[in-house]
């Protein structure tokens, strides 16, 4: 069963309330394209949506309170990739379903390929390896770049953060949110005020609900 069928059905139900349907917005169906091109489009669209979602997690106070759980890590390691508040997947996936529904035709196996590739890159980014992939650093997110996303201290002109890329780094270079001054393997990680952030798992889960934005 195609993932887009479920997403489109849900989106259709919502649009139906105002007399519209997904077909009014659908740009094209990837089934009409060569398989490699359809998968490439899915990868690019999903990564760009998630880059923007990540940016929102830093810019919207309520969402930032949820995202603080991830940024509370004080030492980079691959397991840091799995440290996040349960609300984050809800936000990421909810926004991701919109372009999937609009474009249409994505199979579950297409999602699996992109998902596991993104997971692999995500684990590497949090592994504190200091890699940057040479010339490919301008395309793929990398450990040397991502550690600065977790830096506690950033330049004064940076208000919301840097290096929002998940799998791709290209969006940060295009929209000027890139920042990699040096290797960064020994920098302090965290965020302002993290000394007062709860250390207990359940208190961290409750933190966004108890904190005023």
N, C-alpha and C. Protein backbone atom coordinates (compact mmCIF):
# COMPACT_ATOMS: atom_id res chain seq x y z
N UNK A 1 0.84 -1.20 0.00
CA UNK A 1 0.00 0.00 0.00
C UNK A 1 0.87 1.25 0.00
N UNK A 2 0.65 2.16 -0.88
CA UNK A 2 1.46 3.36 -0.97
C UNK A 2 1.21 4.25 0.22
N UNK A 3 2.30 4.79 0.76
CA UNK A 3 2.19 5.70 1.89
C UNK A 3 1.38 6.92 1.51
N UNK A 4 1.56 7.39 0.28
CA UNK A 4 0.88 8.60 -0.14
C UNK A 4 -0.63 8.42 -0.16
N UNK A 5 -1.12 7.17 -0.33
CA UNK A 5 -2.57 6.95 -0.32
C UNK A 5 -3.16 7.31 1.03
N UNK A 6 -2.47 6.88 2.10
CA UNK A 6 -2.94 7.20 3.44
C UNK A 6 -2.84 8.68 3.71
N UNK A 7 -1.69 9.27 3.37
CA UNK A 7 -1.49 10.71 3.59
C UNK A 7 -2.51 11.52 2.79
N UNK A 8 -2.71 11.12 1.53
CA UNK A 8 -3.66 11.84 0.68
C UNK A 8 -5.08 11.73 1.22
N UNK A 9 -5.42 10.54 1.73
CA UNK A 9 -6.77 10.34 2.28
C UNK A 9 -7.01 11.25 3.47
N UNK A 10 -6.01 11.33 4.37
CA UNK A 10 -6.14 12.20 5.54
C UNK A 10 -6.21 13.65 5.13
N UNK A 11 -5.36 14.04 4.18
CA UNK A 11 -5.34 15.41 3.70
C UNK A 11 -6.65 15.73 2.99
N UNK A 12 -7.17 14.76 2.24
CA UNK A 12 -8.44 14.94 1.54
C UNK A 12 -9.59 15.18 2.53
N UNK A 13 -9.58 14.43 3.63
CA UNK A 13 -10.63 14.60 4.64
C UNK A 13 -10.64 16.02 5.19
N UNK A 14 -9.43 16.55 5.43
CA UNK A 14 -9.33 17.90 5.96
C UNK A 14 -9.79 18.92 4.92
N UNK A 15 -9.28 18.77 3.69
CA UNK A 15 -9.64 19.70 2.63
C UNK A 15 -11.12 19.61 2.26
N UNK A 16 -11.69 18.40 2.45
CA UNK A 16 -13.10 18.20 2.12
C UNK A 16 -14.02 19.09 2.93
N UNK A 17 -13.55 19.49 4.10
CA UNK A 17 -14.35 20.37 4.95
C UNK A 17 -14.57 21.73 4.31
N UNK A 18 -13.67 22.11 3.39
CA UNK A 18 -13.83 23.40 2.71
C UNK A 18 -14.08 23.21 1.21
N UNK A 19 -14.50 22.00 0.84
CA UNK A 19 -14.89 21.73 -0.53
C UNK A 19 -13.74 21.54 -1.50
N UNK A 20 -12.57 21.14 -1.03
CA UNK A 20 -11.42 20.90 -1.89
C UNK A 20 -10.93 19.47 -1.73
N UNK A 21 -9.98 19.06 -2.56
CA UNK A 21 -9.37 17.74 -2.44
C UNK A 21 -7.90 17.84 -2.81
N UNK A 22 -7.15 16.77 -2.55
CA UNK A 22 -5.73 16.76 -2.86
C UNK A 22 -5.48 17.01 -4.34
N UNK A 23 -6.37 16.51 -5.19
CA UNK A 23 -6.20 16.68 -6.63
C UNK A 23 -6.17 18.15 -7.05
N UNK A 24 -6.74 19.03 -6.23
CA UNK A 24 -6.70 20.45 -6.53
C UNK A 24 -5.29 21.03 -6.36
N UNK A 25 -4.45 20.34 -5.60
CA UNK A 25 -3.12 20.84 -5.29
C UNK A 25 -2.00 19.97 -5.84
N UNK A 26 -2.29 18.70 -6.15
CA UNK A 26 -1.24 17.77 -6.54
C UNK A 26 -0.53 18.23 -7.80
N UNK A 27 0.78 18.38 -7.70
CA UNK A 27 1.58 18.87 -8.82
C UNK A 27 1.86 17.77 -9.83
N UNK A 28 2.22 16.59 -9.35
CA UNK A 28 2.48 15.44 -10.21
C UNK A 28 2.54 14.20 -9.36
N UNK A 29 2.54 13.05 -10.02
CA UNK A 29 2.64 11.76 -9.35
C UNK A 29 3.98 11.17 -9.73
N UNK A 30 4.77 10.75 -8.75
CA UNK A 30 6.10 10.23 -9.05
C UNK A 30 6.04 8.93 -9.85
N UNK A 31 4.89 8.28 -9.87
CA UNK A 31 4.76 7.06 -10.68
C UNK A 31 4.86 7.37 -12.17
N UNK A 32 4.68 8.64 -12.53
CA UNK A 32 4.78 9.04 -13.94
C UNK A 32 6.22 9.32 -14.35
N UNK A 33 7.15 9.21 -13.38
CA UNK A 33 8.55 9.51 -13.65
C UNK A 33 9.41 8.24 -13.55
N UNK A 34 10.63 8.28 -14.10
CA UNK A 34 11.55 7.15 -13.88
C UNK A 34 11.74 6.92 -12.39
N UNK A 35 11.91 5.68 -11.98
CA UNK A 35 11.99 5.34 -10.57
C UNK A 35 13.06 6.15 -9.84
N UNK A 36 14.26 6.26 -10.42
CA UNK A 36 15.36 6.96 -9.76
C UNK A 36 15.04 8.43 -9.55
N UNK A 37 14.33 9.03 -10.53
CA UNK A 37 14.00 10.45 -10.44
C UNK A 37 12.93 10.69 -9.37
N UNK A 38 11.95 9.76 -9.30
CA UNK A 38 10.91 9.88 -8.28
C UNK A 38 11.49 9.78 -6.89
N UNK A 39 12.43 8.83 -6.70
CA UNK A 39 13.06 8.65 -5.39
C UNK A 39 13.92 9.87 -5.03
N UNK A 40 14.61 10.41 -6.04
CA UNK A 40 15.44 11.60 -5.82
C UNK A 40 14.58 12.79 -5.39
N UNK A 41 13.44 12.97 -6.05
CA UNK A 41 12.54 14.08 -5.71
C UNK A 41 12.01 13.92 -4.29
N UNK A 42 11.64 12.68 -3.96
CA UNK A 42 11.14 12.42 -2.61
C UNK A 42 12.21 12.77 -1.57
N UNK A 43 13.44 12.37 -1.83
CA UNK A 43 14.55 12.63 -0.91
C UNK A 43 14.77 14.13 -0.74
N UNK A 44 14.83 14.86 -1.84
CA UNK A 44 15.08 16.30 -1.80
C UNK A 44 13.95 17.04 -1.10
N UNK A 45 12.71 16.73 -1.46
CA UNK A 45 11.55 17.41 -0.86
C UNK A 45 11.47 17.12 0.64
N UNK A 46 11.61 15.85 1.02
CA UNK A 46 11.48 15.49 2.43
C UNK A 46 12.61 16.12 3.25
N UNK A 47 13.82 16.17 2.71
CA UNK A 47 14.93 16.75 3.47
C UNK A 47 14.76 18.25 3.64
N UNK A 48 14.27 18.92 2.59
CA UNK A 48 14.05 20.37 2.68
C UNK A 48 12.95 20.70 3.69
N UNK A 49 11.89 19.90 3.68
CA UNK A 49 10.80 20.12 4.64
C UNK A 49 11.32 19.92 6.07
N UNK A 50 12.13 18.88 6.26
CA UNK A 50 12.63 18.62 7.59
C UNK A 50 13.69 19.64 8.01
N UNK A 51 14.44 20.20 7.06
CA UNK A 51 15.37 21.28 7.39
C UNK A 51 14.58 22.48 7.92
N UNK A 52 13.49 22.81 7.25
CA UNK A 52 12.65 23.93 7.69
C UNK A 52 11.99 23.63 9.03
N UNK A 53 11.57 22.38 9.22
CA UNK A 53 10.97 21.99 10.49
C UNK A 53 11.98 22.14 11.62
N UNK A 54 13.20 21.71 11.36
CA UNK A 54 14.27 21.84 12.36
C UNK A 54 14.51 23.31 12.69
N UNK A 55 14.46 24.14 11.67
CA UNK A 55 14.64 25.58 11.87
C UNK A 55 13.52 26.13 12.77
N UNK A 56 12.30 25.65 12.56
CA UNK A 56 11.17 26.08 13.39
C UNK A 56 11.34 25.63 14.84
N UNK A 57 11.92 24.46 15.04
CA UNK A 57 12.14 23.96 16.40
C UNK A 57 13.03 24.91 17.20
N UNK A 58 13.86 25.66 16.49
CA UNK A 58 14.75 26.62 17.16
C UNK A 58 14.14 28.01 17.25
N UNK A 59 13.25 28.35 16.34
CA UNK A 59 12.73 29.72 16.26
C UNK A 59 11.43 29.92 17.02
N UNK A 60 10.63 28.87 17.16
CA UNK A 60 9.34 28.98 17.86
C UNK A 60 9.55 28.57 19.32
N UNK A 61 9.34 29.47 20.27
CA UNK A 61 9.63 29.18 21.68
C UNK A 61 9.03 27.88 22.21
N UNK A 62 7.77 27.59 21.91
CA UNK A 62 7.15 26.37 22.39
C UNK A 62 7.87 25.13 21.84
N UNK A 63 8.16 25.15 20.54
CA UNK A 63 8.86 24.02 19.93
C UNK A 63 10.29 23.90 20.45
N UNK A 64 10.92 25.04 20.72
CA UNK A 64 12.28 25.02 21.24
C UNK A 64 12.32 24.35 22.61
N UNK A 65 11.30 24.52 23.42
CA UNK A 65 11.26 23.87 24.72
C UNK A 65 11.24 22.35 24.59
N UNK A 66 10.61 21.84 23.54
CA UNK A 66 10.64 20.40 23.27
C UNK A 66 12.03 19.99 22.76
N UNK A 67 12.59 20.82 21.91
CA UNK A 67 13.87 20.49 21.26
C UNK A 67 15.05 20.58 22.23
N UNK A 68 14.86 21.25 23.35
CA UNK A 68 15.93 21.37 24.34
C UNK A 68 16.40 20.01 24.85
N UNK A 69 15.49 19.04 24.86
CA UNK A 69 15.87 17.70 25.31
C UNK A 69 17.04 17.18 24.46
N UNK A 70 16.94 17.37 23.16
CA UNK A 70 18.00 16.93 22.27
C UNK A 70 19.28 17.73 22.49
N UNK A 71 19.13 19.02 22.73
CA UNK A 71 20.30 19.89 22.88
C UNK A 71 20.87 19.87 24.30
N UNK A 72 20.29 19.07 25.17
CA UNK A 72 20.82 18.99 26.53
C UNK A 72 22.01 18.04 26.63
N UNK A 73 22.35 17.36 25.53
CA UNK A 73 23.52 16.48 25.56
C UNK A 73 24.78 17.31 25.76
N UNK A 74 25.68 16.85 26.60
CA UNK A 74 26.90 17.58 26.89
C UNK A 74 28.13 16.95 26.25
N UNK A 75 27.94 15.76 25.69
CA UNK A 75 29.04 15.08 25.02
C UNK A 75 28.50 14.41 23.77
N UNK A 76 29.09 14.70 22.63
CA UNK A 76 28.59 14.16 21.38
C UNK A 76 28.94 12.67 21.26
N UNK A 77 27.97 11.90 20.80
CA UNK A 77 28.12 10.47 20.58
C UNK A 77 26.93 10.02 19.75
N UNK A 78 27.03 8.88 19.07
CA UNK A 78 25.97 8.48 18.14
C UNK A 78 24.62 8.35 18.84
N UNK A 79 24.63 8.01 20.14
CA UNK A 79 23.36 7.85 20.87
C UNK A 79 22.64 9.17 21.05
N UNK A 80 23.37 10.29 20.91
CA UNK A 80 22.74 11.61 21.03
C UNK A 80 21.68 11.81 19.94
N UNK A 81 21.85 11.10 18.84
CA UNK A 81 20.88 11.18 17.75
C UNK A 81 19.51 10.65 18.18
N UNK A 82 19.50 9.78 19.17
CA UNK A 82 18.26 9.16 19.63
C UNK A 82 17.69 9.84 20.87
N UNK A 83 18.32 10.91 21.29
CA UNK A 83 17.86 11.64 22.48
C UNK A 83 16.98 12.80 22.03
N UNK A 84 15.69 12.67 22.17
CA UNK A 84 14.77 13.74 21.80
C UNK A 84 13.44 13.54 22.50
N UNK A 85 12.67 14.60 22.58
CA UNK A 85 11.34 14.54 23.17
C UNK A 85 10.39 13.83 22.20
N UNK A 86 9.44 13.08 22.74
CA UNK A 86 8.52 12.32 21.87
C UNK A 86 7.71 13.21 20.94
N UNK A 87 7.59 14.49 21.27
CA UNK A 87 6.80 15.38 20.43
C UNK A 87 7.50 15.70 19.11
N UNK A 88 8.82 15.60 19.07
CA UNK A 88 9.54 15.95 17.85
C UNK A 88 9.12 15.13 16.63
N UNK A 89 9.05 13.79 16.73
CA UNK A 89 8.58 13.03 15.56
C UNK A 89 7.18 13.42 15.12
N UNK A 90 6.33 13.81 16.08
CA UNK A 90 4.97 14.24 15.74
C UNK A 90 5.03 15.48 14.86
N UNK A 91 5.86 16.44 15.25
CA UNK A 91 5.99 17.69 14.48
C UNK A 91 6.61 17.41 13.12
N UNK A 92 7.73 16.68 13.11
CA UNK A 92 8.42 16.38 11.85
C UNK A 92 7.52 15.66 10.87
N UNK A 93 6.90 14.58 11.31
CA UNK A 93 6.12 13.74 10.40
C UNK A 93 4.83 14.42 9.96
N UNK A 94 4.22 15.20 10.83
CA UNK A 94 2.99 15.90 10.46
C UNK A 94 3.25 16.85 9.30
N UNK A 95 4.34 17.61 9.38
CA UNK A 95 4.67 18.55 8.31
C UNK A 95 5.14 17.82 7.06
N UNK A 96 5.80 16.68 7.24
CA UNK A 96 6.32 15.93 6.10
C UNK A 96 5.20 15.33 5.26
N UNK A 97 4.06 14.98 5.89
CA UNK A 97 2.97 14.36 5.15
C UNK A 97 2.33 15.31 4.13
N UNK A 98 2.45 16.61 4.36
CA UNK A 98 1.81 17.57 3.45
C UNK A 98 2.41 17.50 2.04
N UNK A 99 3.75 17.66 1.87
CA UNK A 99 4.29 17.55 0.51
C UNK A 99 4.15 16.15 -0.07
N UNK A 100 4.21 15.11 0.80
CA UNK A 100 4.04 13.75 0.30
C UNK A 100 2.65 13.60 -0.30
N UNK A 101 1.65 14.15 0.37
CA UNK A 101 0.28 14.06 -0.13
C UNK A 101 0.10 14.85 -1.41
N UNK A 102 0.73 16.03 -1.47
CA UNK A 102 0.58 16.89 -2.64
C UNK A 102 1.26 16.31 -3.88
N UNK A 103 2.44 15.71 -3.69
CA UNK A 103 3.15 15.15 -4.84
C UNK A 103 2.56 13.79 -5.20
N UNK A 104 2.44 12.91 -4.23
CA UNK A 104 1.78 11.63 -4.46
C UNK A 104 2.64 10.57 -5.11
N UNK A 105 2.28 9.30 -4.85
CA UNK A 105 2.90 8.17 -5.51
C UNK A 105 4.08 7.55 -4.79
N UNK A 106 4.37 7.95 -3.56
CA UNK A 106 5.50 7.38 -2.84
C UNK A 106 5.11 6.06 -2.21
N UNK A 107 5.90 5.03 -2.46
CA UNK A 107 5.68 3.73 -1.85
C UNK A 107 6.37 3.66 -0.49
N UNK A 108 5.92 2.71 0.34
CA UNK A 108 6.53 2.52 1.66
C UNK A 108 8.02 2.19 1.52
N UNK A 109 8.39 1.43 0.50
CA UNK A 109 9.80 1.08 0.33
C UNK A 109 10.64 2.30 -0.03
N UNK A 110 10.03 3.28 -0.75
CA UNK A 110 10.74 4.52 -1.04
C UNK A 110 11.04 5.26 0.26
N UNK A 111 10.04 5.31 1.13
CA UNK A 111 10.20 5.97 2.43
C UNK A 111 11.27 5.27 3.25
N UNK A 112 11.28 3.93 3.21
CA UNK A 112 12.26 3.15 3.99
C UNK A 112 13.69 3.44 3.53
N UNK A 113 13.90 3.51 2.21
CA UNK A 113 15.24 3.78 1.68
C UNK A 113 15.75 5.13 2.16
N UNK A 114 14.92 6.14 2.01
CA UNK A 114 15.31 7.50 2.42
C UNK A 114 15.47 7.57 3.93
N UNK A 115 14.56 6.92 4.67
CA UNK A 115 14.59 6.97 6.12
C UNK A 115 15.88 6.37 6.69
N UNK A 116 16.25 5.19 6.22
CA UNK A 116 17.43 4.52 6.76
C UNK A 116 18.73 5.20 6.32
N UNK A 117 18.71 5.82 5.15
CA UNK A 117 19.87 6.60 4.73
C UNK A 117 20.02 7.82 5.65
N UNK A 118 18.90 8.48 5.96
CA UNK A 118 18.92 9.64 6.85
C UNK A 118 19.36 9.25 8.26
N UNK A 119 18.90 8.08 8.72
CA UNK A 119 19.28 7.60 10.05
C UNK A 119 20.79 7.37 10.12
N UNK A 120 21.36 6.78 9.06
CA UNK A 120 22.81 6.52 9.02
C UNK A 120 23.59 7.83 9.08
N UNK A 121 23.17 8.81 8.28
CA UNK A 121 23.84 10.12 8.28
C UNK A 121 23.69 10.78 9.65
N UNK A 122 22.50 10.65 10.25
CA UNK A 122 22.24 11.24 11.56
C UNK A 122 23.14 10.66 12.64
N UNK A 123 23.33 9.35 12.62
CA UNK A 123 24.22 8.71 13.60
C UNK A 123 25.66 9.20 13.42
N UNK A 124 26.11 9.30 12.17
CA UNK A 124 27.46 9.78 11.90
C UNK A 124 27.64 11.23 12.36
N UNK A 125 26.61 12.05 12.14
CA UNK A 125 26.70 13.46 12.50
C UNK A 125 26.89 13.66 14.00
N UNK A 126 26.37 12.72 14.80
CA UNK A 126 26.46 12.83 16.25
C UNK A 126 27.61 12.01 16.84
N UNK A 127 28.47 11.46 15.99
CA UNK A 127 29.50 10.55 16.45
C UNK A 127 30.80 11.22 16.87
N UNK A 128 30.89 12.55 16.77
CA UNK A 128 32.08 13.29 17.21
C UNK A 128 33.34 12.77 16.53
N UNK A 129 33.26 12.56 15.23
CA UNK A 129 34.37 12.01 14.47
C UNK A 129 35.24 13.08 13.83
N UNK A 130 34.69 14.28 13.65
CA UNK A 130 35.45 15.35 13.02
C UNK A 130 35.54 15.26 11.51
N UNK A 131 34.75 14.39 10.89
CA UNK A 131 34.77 14.25 9.43
C UNK A 131 34.00 15.39 8.78
N UNK A 132 34.38 15.72 7.54
CA UNK A 132 33.58 16.69 6.79
C UNK A 132 33.36 16.27 5.33
N UNK A 133 33.88 15.12 4.93
CA UNK A 133 33.66 14.52 3.60
C UNK A 133 34.28 15.34 2.46
N UNK A 134 35.25 16.20 2.76
CA UNK A 134 35.91 16.95 1.70
C UNK A 134 34.96 17.85 0.93
N UNK A 135 35.02 17.82 -0.37
CA UNK A 135 34.19 18.67 -1.22
C UNK A 135 32.71 18.38 -1.03
N UNK A 136 32.38 17.15 -0.58
CA UNK A 136 30.98 16.77 -0.41
C UNK A 136 30.35 17.39 0.84
N UNK A 137 31.15 18.11 1.63
CA UNK A 137 30.60 18.78 2.81
C UNK A 137 29.58 19.84 2.42
N UNK A 138 29.64 20.33 1.19
CA UNK A 138 28.68 21.33 0.73
C UNK A 138 27.37 20.71 0.30
N UNK A 139 27.32 19.38 0.30
CA UNK A 139 26.09 18.67 -0.08
C UNK A 139 25.52 17.91 1.11
N UNK A 140 26.39 17.15 1.80
CA UNK A 140 25.92 16.31 2.91
C UNK A 140 26.31 16.89 4.27
N UNK A 141 25.35 16.83 5.19
CA UNK A 141 25.65 17.20 6.56
C UNK A 141 26.74 16.25 7.08
N UNK A 142 27.54 16.70 8.02
CA UNK A 142 28.68 15.91 8.46
C UNK A 142 28.99 16.21 9.93
N UNK A 143 29.77 15.32 10.59
CA UNK A 143 30.06 15.50 12.01
C UNK A 143 30.73 16.83 12.35
N UNK A 144 31.65 17.27 11.51
CA UNK A 144 32.36 18.52 11.76
C UNK A 144 31.41 19.71 11.72
N UNK A 145 30.41 19.63 10.87
CA UNK A 145 29.43 20.72 10.74
C UNK A 145 28.39 20.65 11.85
N UNK A 146 27.94 19.43 12.14
CA UNK A 146 26.80 19.31 13.06
C UNK A 146 27.17 19.59 14.51
N UNK A 147 28.42 19.37 14.88
CA UNK A 147 28.79 19.63 16.27
C UNK A 147 28.61 21.11 16.60
N UNK A 148 28.76 21.98 15.58
CA UNK A 148 28.55 23.41 15.82
C UNK A 148 27.07 23.74 15.98
N UNK A 149 26.21 22.88 15.50
CA UNK A 149 24.78 23.06 15.74
C UNK A 149 24.47 22.89 17.22
N UNK A 150 25.29 22.08 17.90
CA UNK A 150 25.09 21.81 19.33
C UNK A 150 25.95 22.70 20.22
N UNK A 151 26.71 23.62 19.63
CA UNK A 151 27.59 24.47 20.42
C UNK A 151 26.80 25.36 21.38
N UNK A 152 27.30 25.47 22.60
CA UNK A 152 26.62 26.32 23.60
C UNK A 152 26.84 27.80 23.30
N UNK A 153 28.03 28.14 22.85
CA UNK A 153 28.33 29.53 22.53
C UNK A 153 28.51 29.71 21.03
N UNK A 154 27.78 30.69 20.49
CA UNK A 154 27.85 31.02 19.07
C UNK A 154 28.06 32.53 18.94
N UNK A 155 28.40 33.00 17.75
CA UNK A 155 28.59 34.44 17.57
C UNK A 155 27.37 35.25 18.02
N UNK A 156 27.60 36.48 18.45
CA UNK A 156 26.54 37.33 18.98
C UNK A 156 25.40 37.56 17.99
N UNK A 157 25.74 37.59 16.69
CA UNK A 157 24.70 37.87 15.69
C UNK A 157 23.81 36.66 15.42
N UNK A 158 24.20 35.49 15.93
CA UNK A 158 23.39 34.28 15.72
C UNK A 158 22.36 34.19 16.83
N UNK A 159 21.10 34.28 16.47
CA UNK A 159 20.04 34.30 17.47
C UNK A 159 19.41 32.94 17.70
N UNK A 160 19.18 32.19 16.63
CA UNK A 160 18.43 30.94 16.76
C UNK A 160 19.24 29.67 16.53
N UNK A 161 20.45 29.78 16.06
CA UNK A 161 21.24 28.59 15.82
C UNK A 161 21.81 28.54 14.42
N UNK A 162 22.57 27.50 14.13
CA UNK A 162 23.23 27.33 12.83
C UNK A 162 23.15 25.86 12.41
N UNK A 163 23.48 25.62 11.16
CA UNK A 163 23.63 24.25 10.64
C UNK A 163 22.42 23.37 10.96
N UNK A 164 21.27 23.72 10.39
CA UNK A 164 20.04 22.99 10.66
C UNK A 164 19.91 21.71 9.84
N UNK A 165 20.81 21.48 8.90
CA UNK A 165 20.70 20.34 8.00
C UNK A 165 20.57 19.01 8.70
N UNK A 166 19.75 18.12 8.14
CA UNK A 166 19.63 16.77 8.66
C UNK A 166 20.52 15.84 7.84
N UNK A 167 20.11 15.53 6.63
CA UNK A 167 20.95 14.71 5.75
C UNK A 167 21.80 15.59 4.85
N UNK A 168 21.19 16.64 4.31
CA UNK A 168 21.90 17.54 3.40
C UNK A 168 22.35 18.81 4.12
N UNK A 169 23.50 19.31 3.74
CA UNK A 169 24.01 20.58 4.27
C UNK A 169 23.74 21.72 3.31
N UNK A 170 23.33 21.39 2.10
CA UNK A 170 23.21 22.40 1.03
C UNK A 170 22.24 23.52 1.38
N UNK A 171 21.18 23.20 2.14
CA UNK A 171 20.20 24.23 2.50
C UNK A 171 20.84 25.30 3.38
N UNK A 172 21.73 24.89 4.28
CA UNK A 172 22.40 25.87 5.15
C UNK A 172 23.31 26.79 4.34
N UNK A 173 23.97 26.23 3.33
CA UNK A 173 24.83 27.07 2.50
C UNK A 173 24.01 28.00 1.61
N UNK A 174 22.88 27.53 1.13
CA UNK A 174 22.01 28.35 0.29
C UNK A 174 21.40 29.49 1.09
N UNK A 175 20.90 29.20 2.29
CA UNK A 175 20.20 30.20 3.09
C UNK A 175 21.07 30.85 4.16
N UNK A 176 22.40 30.66 4.04
CA UNK A 176 23.37 31.36 4.88
C UNK A 176 23.21 31.07 6.37
N UNK A 177 22.89 29.84 6.72
CA UNK A 177 22.82 29.45 8.13
C UNK A 177 23.97 28.50 8.48
N UNK A 178 24.97 28.44 7.61
CA UNK A 178 26.13 27.58 7.85
C UNK A 178 27.15 28.29 8.74
N UNK A 179 27.82 27.51 9.58
CA UNK A 179 28.85 28.06 10.47
C UNK A 179 29.76 26.93 10.93
N UNK A 180 30.98 26.91 10.41
CA UNK A 180 31.98 25.90 10.80
C UNK A 180 33.33 26.60 10.89
N UNK A 181 33.62 27.29 12.00
CA UNK A 181 34.88 28.05 12.11
C UNK A 181 36.13 27.17 12.25
N UNK A 182 35.99 26.01 12.90
CA UNK A 182 37.11 25.09 13.02
C UNK A 182 36.57 23.71 13.42
N UNK A 183 37.44 22.79 13.73
CA UNK A 183 37.05 21.40 14.00
C UNK A 183 35.95 21.28 15.03
N UNK A 184 36.10 21.93 16.18
CA UNK A 184 35.04 21.99 17.18
C UNK A 184 34.85 20.76 18.05
N UNK A 185 35.75 19.82 18.02
CA UNK A 185 35.53 18.58 18.78
C UNK A 185 35.60 18.78 20.30
N UNK A 186 36.24 19.87 20.75
CA UNK A 186 36.37 20.09 22.19
C UNK A 186 35.53 21.26 22.70
N UNK A 187 34.60 21.76 21.90
CA UNK A 187 33.78 22.88 22.33
C UNK A 187 32.72 22.42 23.34
N UNK A 188 32.23 23.35 24.13
CA UNK A 188 31.17 23.02 25.09
C UNK A 188 29.84 22.91 24.36
N UNK A 189 29.08 21.88 24.66
CA UNK A 189 27.78 21.67 24.04
C UNK A 189 26.66 22.07 25.01
N UNK A 190 25.49 22.34 24.44
CA UNK A 190 24.34 22.68 25.28
C UNK A 190 23.67 23.95 24.82
N UNK A 191 23.03 24.66 25.75
CA UNK A 191 22.34 25.92 25.43
C UNK A 191 22.34 26.79 26.68
N UNK A 192 22.07 28.06 26.51
CA UNK A 192 22.05 28.98 27.64
C UNK A 192 21.03 28.53 28.68
N UNK A 193 21.48 28.40 29.91
CA UNK A 193 20.58 28.00 30.98
C UNK A 193 20.43 26.51 31.14
N UNK A 194 21.23 25.72 30.42
CA UNK A 194 21.08 24.26 30.51
C UNK A 194 21.45 23.72 31.89
N UNK A 195 22.12 24.56 32.71
CA UNK A 195 22.45 24.13 34.07
C UNK A 195 21.19 23.85 34.89
N UNK A 196 20.11 24.56 34.55
CA UNK A 196 18.85 24.41 35.28
C UNK A 196 17.89 23.46 34.59
N UNK A 197 18.31 22.90 33.46
CA UNK A 197 17.44 21.98 32.73
C UNK A 197 17.37 20.66 33.49
N UNK A 198 16.18 20.06 33.61
CA UNK A 198 16.04 18.80 34.37
C UNK A 198 16.94 17.69 33.84
N UNK A 199 17.46 16.90 34.73
CA UNK A 199 18.29 15.74 34.35
C UNK A 199 17.47 14.46 34.33
N UNK A 200 16.37 14.47 35.06
CA UNK A 200 15.49 13.30 35.14
C UNK A 200 14.66 13.16 33.87
N UNK A 201 14.53 11.91 33.38
CA UNK A 201 13.81 11.64 32.12
C UNK A 201 12.38 12.18 32.15
N UNK A 202 11.63 11.87 33.18
CA UNK A 202 10.23 12.27 33.23
C UNK A 202 10.08 13.78 33.37
N UNK A 203 10.99 14.40 34.10
CA UNK A 203 10.95 15.86 34.23
C UNK A 203 11.27 16.54 32.91
N UNK A 204 12.14 15.93 32.12
CA UNK A 204 12.44 16.48 30.79
C UNK A 204 11.22 16.38 29.88
N UNK A 205 10.48 15.28 30.01
CA UNK A 205 9.30 15.11 29.18
C UNK A 205 8.21 16.11 29.56
N UNK A 206 8.16 16.47 30.82
CA UNK A 206 7.15 17.41 31.31
C UNK A 206 7.58 18.86 31.16
N UNK A 207 8.86 19.09 30.96
CA UNK A 207 9.41 20.45 30.93
C UNK A 207 8.67 21.40 29.98
N UNK A 208 8.42 21.01 28.73
CA UNK A 208 7.75 21.94 27.79
C UNK A 208 6.34 22.32 28.24
N UNK A 209 5.69 21.41 28.97
CA UNK A 209 4.31 21.66 29.40
C UNK A 209 4.27 22.55 30.62
N UNK A 210 5.37 22.57 31.37
CA UNK A 210 5.42 23.36 32.62
C UNK A 210 6.10 24.69 32.44
N UNK A 211 6.74 24.90 31.28
CA UNK A 211 7.52 26.12 31.06
C UNK A 211 6.77 27.09 30.17
N UNK A 212 6.76 28.34 30.57
CA UNK A 212 6.12 29.38 29.78
C UNK A 212 7.02 29.73 28.60
N UNK A 213 6.41 29.86 27.41
CA UNK A 213 7.19 30.18 26.21
C UNK A 213 7.59 31.64 26.18
